[in-house]
Amino acid sequence: MVETSHPGNIGAAARAMKTMCLHQLALVQPKSYPDPVAFARSSGAADVLEQAQVYSSLTQAISDCQIVVGITARSRRLSAPVMMPKQLIQYMLTEYRTSNIAWVFGRERNGLSNEEIDLCNVVCTIPSNPEYGSLNIAAAIQILCYELYAAHNQTDSIITEEPTGIDSLAPAAEREGFYQHLWQALLKIEFLDEQNPLPLQRKVRRLFDRAQLSSAEVNILRGILKNVLKQ
């Protein structure tokens, strides 16, 4: 949860998680935490709150995650795959069942920024009334948690073969280190527009997301970049 402004939403999220057998909660710069309101709203899920990790940035919070899913209600021009909740859960269970996956929920008022979405491999949108798409963040968390719990109860009917995804997929921190290295190299060879780098950077990120780089492959690419920058 990124920069949650109301502690009650953190408590309600913890309650939603524990009800569906999830316990790993990460908070990025919450306005007030720990807070008695959060514990009151958790309704017995205090253990989830007590174990919650607080981070100073989203980058830090997702550093060890191999798949990062941004949950957003806003329509955006994105090159990342956009999935509905059921589609997302099936994708997770069939392709990345043993990977470390993060669901990223944004601020109550305006969700995730475009820069935060850039850090995500996949985007998930919860269908809602086109004339009134205001969904409370804890309610959104409850929907995703329920879909995962329900899918686990139908595992035999959903998973018919071993995962085909790459479980050695490089974690987010390694991928982000590679991207920053790559931007340096592209600036050096004047391929990246220093005044307007984002359009190309976003396309390149999605290109390598589709390649599903392992840690070993990231190291190879960074070795190449290191030599490019020496020239």
C-alpha atoms as a PDB file:
ATOM      1  CA  MET A   1       0.000   0.000   0.000  1.00  0.00           C
ATOM      2  CA  VAL A   2       1.539   3.279  -1.138  1.00  0.00           C
ATOM      3  CA  GLU A   3       1.193   6.439   0.975  1.00  0.00           C
ATOM      4  CA  THR A   4      -2.085   5.398   2.595  1.00  0.00           C
ATOM      5  CA  SER A   5      -3.617   8.495   4.182  1.00  0.00           C
ATOM      6  CA  HIS A   6      -6.218   6.923   6.489  1.00  0.00           C
ATOM      7  CA  PRO A   7      -4.970   4.326   9.017  1.00  0.00           C
ATOM      8  CA  GLY A   8      -8.417   2.734   9.052  1.00  0.00           C
ATOM      9  CA  ASN A   9      -7.831   1.559   5.493  1.00  0.00           C
ATOM     10  CA  ILE A  10      -4.648  -0.187   6.587  1.00  0.00           C
ATOM     11  CA  GLY A  11      -6.578  -2.007   9.297  1.00  0.00           C
ATOM     12  CA  ALA A  12      -9.374  -2.950   6.905  1.00  0.00           C
ATOM     13  CA  ALA A  13      -6.795  -4.222   4.421  1.00  0.00           C
ATOM     14  CA  ALA A  14      -5.199  -6.407   7.099  1.00  0.00           C
ATOM     15  CA  ARG A  15      -8.636  -7.825   7.935  1.00  0.00           C
ATOM     16  CA  ALA A  16      -9.313  -8.562   4.262  1.00  0.00           C
ATOM     17  CA  MET A  17      -5.959 -10.292   3.917  1.00  0.00           C
ATOM     18  CA  LYS A  18      -6.215 -12.485   7.002  1.00  0.00           C
ATOM     19  CA  THR A  19      -9.738 -13.560   6.084  1.00  0.00           C
ATOM     20  CA  MET A  20      -8.299 -14.937   2.826  1.00  0.00           C
ATOM     21  CA  CYS A  21      -5.144 -16.442   4.405  1.00  0.00           C
ATOM     22  CA  LEU A  22      -2.679 -13.740   3.330  1.00  0.00           C
ATOM     23  CA  HIS A  23      -0.314 -12.135   5.819  1.00  0.00           C
ATOM     24  CA  GLN A  24       2.522 -10.213   4.139  1.00  0.00           C
ATOM     25  CA  LEU A  25       1.644  -6.519   4.173  1.00  0.00           C
ATOM     26  CA  ALA A  26       4.073  -3.813   3.039  1.00  0.00           C
ATOM     27  CA  LEU A  27       3.442  -0.105   3.645  1.00  0.00           C
ATOM     28  CA  VAL A  28       5.205   2.667   1.743  1.00  0.00           C
ATOM     29  CA  GLN A  29       5.301   5.954   3.656  1.00  0.00           C
ATOM     30  CA  PRO A  30       1.894   5.644   5.363  1.00  0.00           C
ATOM     31  CA  LYS A  31       0.648   8.937   6.792  1.00  0.00           C
ATOM     32  CA  SER A  32       0.086   7.425  10.243  1.00  0.00           C
ATOM     33  CA  TYR A  33       1.408   4.032  11.277  1.00  0.00           C
ATOM     34  CA  PRO A  34       1.335   2.335  13.688  1.00  0.00           C
ATOM     35  CA  ASP A  35      -2.009   3.820  14.664  1.00  0.00           C
ATOM     36  CA  PRO A  36      -4.743   2.644  17.079  1.00  0.00           C
ATOM     37  CA  VAL A  37      -7.384   3.262  14.396  1.00  0.00           C
ATOM     38  CA  ALA A  38      -5.702   0.703  12.147  1.00  0.00           C
ATOM     39  CA  PHE A  39      -5.697  -1.905  14.898  1.00  0.00           C
ATOM     40  CA  ALA A  40      -9.332  -1.184  15.749  1.00  0.00           C
ATOM     41  CA  ARG A  41     -10.404  -1.600  12.117  1.00  0.00           C
ATOM     42  CA  SER A  42      -8.420  -4.812  11.711  1.00  0.00           C
ATOM     43  CA  SER A  43     -10.988  -6.710  13.822  1.00  0.00           C
ATOM     44  CA  GLY A  44      -8.632  -9.396  15.068  1.00  0.00           C
ATOM     45  CA  ALA A  45      -6.025  -9.184  12.328  1.00  0.00           C
ATOM     46  CA  ALA A  46      -3.551  -7.413  14.600  1.00  0.00           C
ATOM     47  CA  ASP A  47      -0.900 -10.024  13.806  1.00  0.00           C
ATOM     48  CA  VAL A  48      -0.886  -8.920  10.148  1.00  0.00           C
ATOM     49  CA  LEU A  49      -0.366  -5.312  11.231  1.00  0.00           C
ATOM     50  CA  GLU A  50       2.344  -6.225  13.724  1.00  0.00           C
ATOM     51  CA  GLN A  51       4.277  -8.076  11.012  1.00  0.00           C
ATOM     52  CA  ALA A  52       3.774  -5.334   8.384  1.00  0.00           C
ATOM     53  CA  GLN A  53       6.952  -3.877   6.919  1.00  0.00           C
ATOM     54  CA  VAL A  54       7.248  -0.106   6.421  1.00  0.00           C
ATOM     55  CA  TYR A  55       9.395   1.232   3.561  1.00  0.00           C
ATOM     56  CA  SER A  56      10.556   4.655   2.480  1.00  0.00           C
ATOM     57  CA  SER A  57       9.944   4.015  -1.234  1.00  0.00           C
ATOM     58  CA  LEU A  58       8.093   1.659  -3.552  1.00  0.00           C
ATOM     59  CA  THR A  59      11.393   0.670  -5.140  1.00  0.00           C
ATOM     60  CA  GLN A  60      12.621  -0.514  -1.762  1.00  0.00           C
ATOM     61  CA  ALA A  61       9.384  -2.360  -0.985  1.00  0.00           C
ATOM     62  CA  ILE A  62       9.429  -4.408  -4.214  1.00  0.00           C
ATOM     63  CA  SER A  63      13.175  -4.957  -4.421  1.00  0.00           C
ATOM     64  CA  ASP A  64      13.002  -8.740  -3.874  1.00  0.00           C
ATOM     65  CA  CYS A  65       9.857  -9.309  -5.955  1.00  0.00           C
ATOM     66  CA  GLN A  66      10.025 -11.067  -9.306  1.00  0.00           C
ATOM     67  CA  ILE A  67       6.584 -10.025 -10.533  1.00  0.00           C
ATOM     68  CA  VAL A  68       5.078  -6.644  -9.621  1.00  0.00           C
ATOM     69  CA  VAL A  69       1.396  -5.987 -10.313  1.00  0.00           C
ATOM     70  CA  GLY A  70       0.024  -2.448 -10.222  1.00  0.00           C
ATOM     71  CA  ILE A  71      -3.658  -2.202  -9.288  1.00  0.00           C
ATOM     72  CA  THR A  72      -5.210   0.841 -10.959  1.00  0.00           C
ATOM     73  CA  ALA A  73      -8.647   2.125 -11.876  1.00  0.00           C
ATOM     74  CA  ARG A  74      -7.506   4.928 -14.158  1.00  0.00           C
ATOM     75  CA  SER A  75      -7.384   4.515 -17.918  1.00  0.00           C
ATOM     76  CA  ARG A  76      -3.809   4.984 -19.098  1.00  0.00           C
ATOM     77  CA  ARG A  77      -1.729   4.503 -22.208  1.00  0.00           C
ATOM     78  CA  LEU A  78       0.284   1.511 -21.110  1.00  0.00           C
ATOM     79  CA  SER A  79       2.409  -1.047 -22.894  1.00  0.00           C
ATOM     80  CA  ALA A  80       2.328  -3.383 -19.877  1.00  0.00           C
ATOM     81  CA  PRO A  81      -0.222  -6.222 -20.018  1.00  0.00           C
ATOM     82  CA  VAL A  82      -3.557  -5.202 -18.480  1.00  0.00           C
ATOM     83  CA  MET A  83      -5.583  -7.954 -16.788  1.00  0.00           C
ATOM     84  CA  MET A  84      -8.850  -8.364 -14.914  1.00  0.00           C
ATOM     85  CA  PRO A  85      -8.660  -9.984 -11.441  1.00  0.00           C
ATOM     86  CA  LYS A  86      -9.588 -13.551 -12.465  1.00  0.00           C
ATOM     87  CA  GLN A  87      -7.217 -13.405 -15.428  1.00  0.00           C
ATOM     88  CA  LEU A  88      -4.439 -12.101 -13.186  1.00  0.00           C
ATOM     89  CA  ILE A  89      -4.888 -14.864 -10.619  1.00  0.00           C
ATOM     90  CA  GLN A  90      -4.871 -17.584 -13.254  1.00  0.00           C
ATOM     91  CA  TYR A  91      -1.737 -16.036 -14.759  1.00  0.00           C
ATOM     92  CA  MET A  92      -0.063 -16.052 -11.337  1.00  0.00           C
ATOM     93  CA  LEU A  93      -0.987 -19.638 -10.515  1.00  0.00           C
ATOM     94  CA  THR A  94      -0.144 -21.153 -13.884  1.00  0.00           C
ATOM     95  CA  GLU A  95       2.937 -19.142 -14.835  1.00  0.00           C
ATOM     96  CA  TYR A  96       4.543 -17.910 -11.600  1.00  0.00           C
ATOM     97  CA  ARG A  97       3.232 -20.120  -8.825  1.00  0.00           C
ATOM     98  CA  THR A  98       6.542 -20.169  -6.931  1.00  0.00           C
ATOM     99  CA  SER A  99       7.669 -16.611  -7.685  1.00  0.00           C
ATOM    100  CA  ASN A 100       7.649 -13.713  -5.241  1.00  0.00           C
ATOM    101  CA  ILE A 101       4.746 -11.518  -6.391  1.00  0.00           C
ATOM    102  CA  ALA A 102       3.695  -8.071  -5.155  1.00  0.00           C
ATOM    103  CA  TRP A 103       0.328  -6.392  -5.588  1.00  0.00           C
ATOM    104  CA  VAL A 104       0.768  -2.623  -5.447  1.00  0.00           C
ATOM    105  CA  PHE A 105      -2.157  -0.444  -4.355  1.00  0.00           C
ATOM    106  CA  GLY A 106      -1.937   3.343  -4.594  1.00  0.00           C
ATOM    107  CA  ARG A 107      -3.233   6.310  -2.670  1.00  0.00           C
ATOM    108  CA  GLU A 108      -6.911   6.597  -1.758  1.00  0.00           C
ATOM    109  CA  ARG A 109      -7.354   9.822  -3.711  1.00  0.00           C
ATOM    110  CA  ASN A 110      -5.336   9.365  -6.889  1.00  0.00           C
ATOM    111  CA  GLY A 111      -3.916   5.844  -6.940  1.00  0.00           C
ATOM    112  CA  LEU A 112      -0.497   5.119  -8.408  1.00  0.00           C
ATOM    113  CA  SER A 113       1.562   7.591 -10.398  1.00  0.00           C
ATOM    114  CA  ASN A 114       2.700   6.783 -13.934  1.00  0.00           C
ATOM    115  CA  GLU A 115       6.249   6.491 -12.621  1.00  0.00           C
ATOM    116  CA  GLU A 116       5.131   3.872 -10.096  1.00  0.00           C
ATOM    117  CA  ILE A 117       3.248   1.978 -12.787  1.00  0.00           C
ATOM    118  CA  ASP A 118       6.510   1.941 -14.777  1.00  0.00           C
ATOM    119  CA  LEU A 119       7.956  -0.267 -12.023  1.00  0.00           C
ATOM    120  CA  CYS A 120       5.216  -2.871 -12.567  1.00  0.00           C
ATOM    121  CA  ASN A 121       5.349  -5.831 -14.958  1.00  0.00           C
ATOM    122  CA  VAL A 122       1.575  -6.216 -15.101  1.00  0.00           C
ATOM    123  CA  VAL A 123      -1.409  -3.953 -14.492  1.00  0.00           C
ATOM    124  CA  CYS A 124      -4.718  -5.122 -13.019  1.00  0.00           C
ATOM    125  CA  THR A 125      -7.998  -3.231 -13.296  1.00  0.00           C
ATOM    126  CA  ILE A 126     -11.146  -4.130 -11.363  1.00  0.00           C
ATOM    127  CA  PRO A 127     -14.256  -3.632 -13.527  1.00  0.00           C
ATOM    128  CA  SER A 128     -16.738  -1.154 -12.061  1.00  0.00           C
ATOM    129  CA  ASN A 129     -19.556   1.243 -12.918  1.00  0.00           C
ATOM    130  CA  PRO A 130     -18.178   3.520 -15.680  1.00  0.00           C
ATOM    131  CA  GLU A 131     -20.165   6.394 -14.184  1.00  0.00           C
ATOM    132  CA  TYR A 132     -18.948   5.757 -10.633  1.00  0.00           C
ATOM    133  CA  GLY A 133     -15.694   3.863 -10.384  1.00  0.00           C
ATOM    134  CA  SER A 134     -14.828   4.886  -6.812  1.00  0.00           C
ATOM    135  CA  LEU A 135     -13.758   1.699  -5.039  1.00  0.00           C
ATOM    136  CA  ASN A 136     -12.386   1.869  -1.508  1.00  0.00           C
ATOM    137  CA  ILE A 137      -8.821   0.598  -1.372  1.00  0.00           C
ATOM    138  CA  ALA A 138      -9.599  -2.044   1.286  1.00  0.00           C
ATOM    139  CA  ALA A 139     -12.495  -3.255  -0.859  1.00  0.00           C
ATOM    140  CA  ALA A 140     -10.172  -3.547  -3.842  1.00  0.00           C
ATOM    141  CA  ILE A 141      -7.725  -5.538  -1.733  1.00  0.00           C
ATOM    142  CA  GLN A 142     -10.567  -7.789  -0.575  1.00  0.00           C
ATOM    143  CA  ILE A 143     -11.522  -8.549  -4.195  1.00  0.00           C
ATOM    144  CA  LEU A 144      -7.997  -9.596  -5.169  1.00  0.00           C
ATOM    145  CA  CYS A 145      -7.524 -11.614  -1.979  1.00  0.00           C
ATOM    146  CA  TYR A 146     -10.833 -13.406  -2.518  1.00  0.00           C
ATOM    147  CA  GLU A 147     -10.016 -14.276  -6.129  1.00  0.00           C
ATOM    148  CA  LEU A 148      -6.693 -15.790  -5.060  1.00  0.00           C
ATOM    149  CA  TYR A 149      -8.291 -17.733  -2.185  1.00  0.00           C
ATOM    150  CA  ALA A 150     -11.084 -19.041  -4.408  1.00  0.00           C
ATOM    151  CA  ALA A 151      -8.593 -20.078  -7.083  1.00  0.00           C
ATOM    152  CA  HIS A 152      -6.502 -21.967  -4.529  1.00  0.00           C
ATOM    153  CA  ASN A 153      -9.622 -23.903  -3.565  1.00  0.00           C
ATOM    154  CA  GLN A 154      -9.994 -24.917  -7.210  1.00  0.00           C
ATOM    155  CA  THR A 155      -6.312 -25.577  -7.843  1.00  0.00           C
ATOM    156  CA  ASP A 156      -6.864 -28.921  -9.531  1.00  0.00           C
ATOM    157  CA  SER A 157      -9.219 -27.436 -12.092  1.00  0.00           C
ATOM    158  CA  ILE A 158      -7.064 -24.382 -12.762  1.00  0.00           C
ATOM    159  CA  ILE A 159      -3.543 -25.813 -12.775  1.00  0.00           C
ATOM    160  CA  THR A 160      -3.216 -28.737 -15.136  1.00  0.00           C
ATOM    161  CA  GLU A 161       0.537 -28.674 -15.647  1.00  0.00           C
ATOM    162  CA  GLU A 162       3.719 -27.402 -14.099  1.00  0.00           C
ATOM    163  CA  PRO A 163       4.356 -23.641 -14.263  1.00  0.00           C
ATOM    164  CA  THR A 164       5.872 -22.512 -17.551  1.00  0.00           C
ATOM    165  CA  GLY A 165       7.218 -19.224 -16.201  1.00  0.00           C
ATOM    166  CA  ILE A 166      10.817 -18.625 -15.221  1.00  0.00           C
ATOM    167  CA  ASP A 167      11.098 -19.000 -11.472  1.00  0.00           C
ATOM    168  CA  SER A 168      14.630 -17.607 -11.581  1.00  0.00           C
ATOM    169  CA  LEU A 169      13.282 -14.324 -12.938  1.00  0.00           C
ATOM    170  CA  ALA A 170      15.501 -11.499 -11.701  1.00  0.00           C
ATOM    171  CA  PRO A 171      13.989  -9.568  -8.781  1.00  0.00           C
ATOM    172  CA  ALA A 172      12.900  -5.967  -9.226  1.00  0.00           C
ATOM    173  CA  ALA A 173      16.022  -4.466  -7.628  1.00  0.00           C
ATOM    174  CA  GLU A 174      18.288  -6.240 -10.132  1.00  0.00           C
ATOM    175  CA  ARG A 175      16.095  -5.264 -13.067  1.00  0.00           C
ATOM    176  CA  GLU A 176      15.968  -1.641 -11.942  1.00  0.00           C
ATOM    177  CA  GLY A 177      19.758  -1.573 -11.568  1.00  0.00           C
ATOM    178  CA  PHE A 178      20.030  -2.862 -15.146  1.00  0.00           C
ATOM    179  CA  TYR A 179      17.635  -0.194 -16.447  1.00  0.00           C
ATOM    180  CA  GLN A 180      19.542   2.630 -14.793  1.00  0.00           C
ATOM    181  CA  HIS A 181      22.767   1.218 -16.269  1.00  0.00           C
ATOM    182  CA  LEU A 182      21.101   0.975 -19.684  1.00  0.00           C
ATOM    183  CA  TRP A 183      19.881   4.596 -19.591  1.00  0.00           C
ATOM    184  CA  GLN A 184      23.464   5.705 -18.951  1.00  0.00           C
ATOM    185  CA  ALA A 185      24.684   3.769 -21.970  1.00  0.00           C
ATOM    186  CA  LEU A 186      21.889   5.011 -24.229  1.00  0.00           C
ATOM    187  CA  LEU A 187      22.625   8.603 -23.230  1.00  0.00           C
ATOM    188  CA  LYS A 188      26.316   8.057 -23.934  1.00  0.00           C
ATOM    189  CA  ILE A 189      25.645   6.882 -27.491  1.00  0.00           C
ATOM    190  CA  GLU A 190      23.007   9.641 -27.896  1.00  0.00           C
ATOM    191  CA  PHE A 191      20.204   7.160 -28.545  1.00  0.00           C
ATOM    192  CA  LEU A 192      18.085   8.382 -25.629  1.00  0.00           C
ATOM    193  CA  ASP A 193      16.572  11.867 -25.730  1.00  0.00           C
ATOM    194  CA  GLU A 194      17.796  13.477 -22.529  1.00  0.00           C
ATOM    195  CA  GLN A 195      15.005  16.066 -22.651  1.00  0.00           C
ATOM    196  CA  ASN A 196      12.197  13.521 -23.116  1.00  0.00           C
ATOM    197  CA  PRO A 197      13.447  10.037 -22.157  1.00  0.00           C
ATOM    198  CA  LEU A 198      10.228   8.491 -20.795  1.00  0.00           C
ATOM    199  CA  PRO A 199       8.525   7.306 -24.015  1.00  0.00           C
ATOM    200  CA  LEU A 200      11.519   5.223 -25.080  1.00  0.00           C
ATOM    201  CA  GLN A 201      12.312   4.113 -21.530  1.00  0.00           C
ATOM    202  CA  ARG A 202       8.794   2.726 -21.071  1.00  0.00           C
ATOM    203  CA  LYS A 203       8.946   0.806 -24.353  1.00  0.00           C
ATOM    204  CA  VAL A 204      12.360  -0.629 -23.471  1.00  0.00           C
ATOM    205  CA  ARG A 205      11.147  -1.695 -20.031  1.00  0.00           C
ATOM    206  CA  ARG A 206       8.260  -3.630 -21.579  1.00  0.00           C
ATOM    207  CA  LEU A 207      10.560  -5.204 -24.144  1.00  0.00           C
ATOM    208  CA  PHE A 208      12.772  -6.649 -21.408  1.00  0.00           C
ATOM    209  CA  ASP A 209       9.747  -7.556 -19.268  1.00  0.00           C
ATOM    210  CA  ARG A 210       8.606  -9.803 -22.107  1.00  0.00           C
ATOM    211  CA  ALA A 211      12.085 -11.348 -22.244  1.00  0.00           C
ATOM    212  CA  GLN A 212      11.688 -12.472 -18.584  1.00  0.00           C
ATOM    213  CA  LEU A 213      15.337 -11.964 -17.713  1.00  0.00           C
ATOM    214  CA  SER A 214      16.976 -14.172 -15.110  1.00  0.00           C
ATOM    215  CA  SER A 215      19.591 -12.842 -12.695  1.00  0.00           C
ATOM    216  CA  ALA A 216      22.346 -14.443 -14.792  1.00  0.00           C
ATOM    217  CA  GLU A 217      21.053 -12.747 -17.942  1.00  0.00           C
ATOM    218  CA  VAL A 218      20.885  -9.380 -16.197  1.00  0.00           C
ATOM    219  CA  ASN A 219      24.524  -9.808 -15.170  1.00  0.00           C
ATOM    220  CA  ILE A 220      25.518 -10.583 -18.779  1.00  0.00           C
ATOM    221  CA  LEU A 221      23.736  -7.497 -20.088  1.00  0.00           C
ATOM    222  CA  ARG A 222      25.263  -5.279 -17.416  1.00  0.00           C
ATOM    223  CA  GLY A 223      28.696  -6.644 -18.324  1.00  0.00           C
ATOM    224  CA  ILE A 224      28.075  -5.562 -21.909  1.00  0.00           C
ATOM    225  CA  LEU A 225      26.900  -2.136 -20.788  1.00  0.00           C
ATOM    226  CA  LYS A 226      29.954  -1.725 -18.577  1.00  0.00           C
ATOM    227  CA  ASN A 227      32.183  -2.190 -21.607  1.00  0.00           C
ATOM    228  CA  VAL A 228      30.069   0.145 -23.704  1.00  0.00           C
ATOM    229  CA  LEU A 229      30.482   2.869 -21.111  1.00  0.00           C
ATOM    230  CA  LYS A 230      34.253   2.346 -21.113  1.00  0.00           C
ATOM    231  CA  GLN A 231      34.496   3.229 -24.779  1.00  0.00           C
END
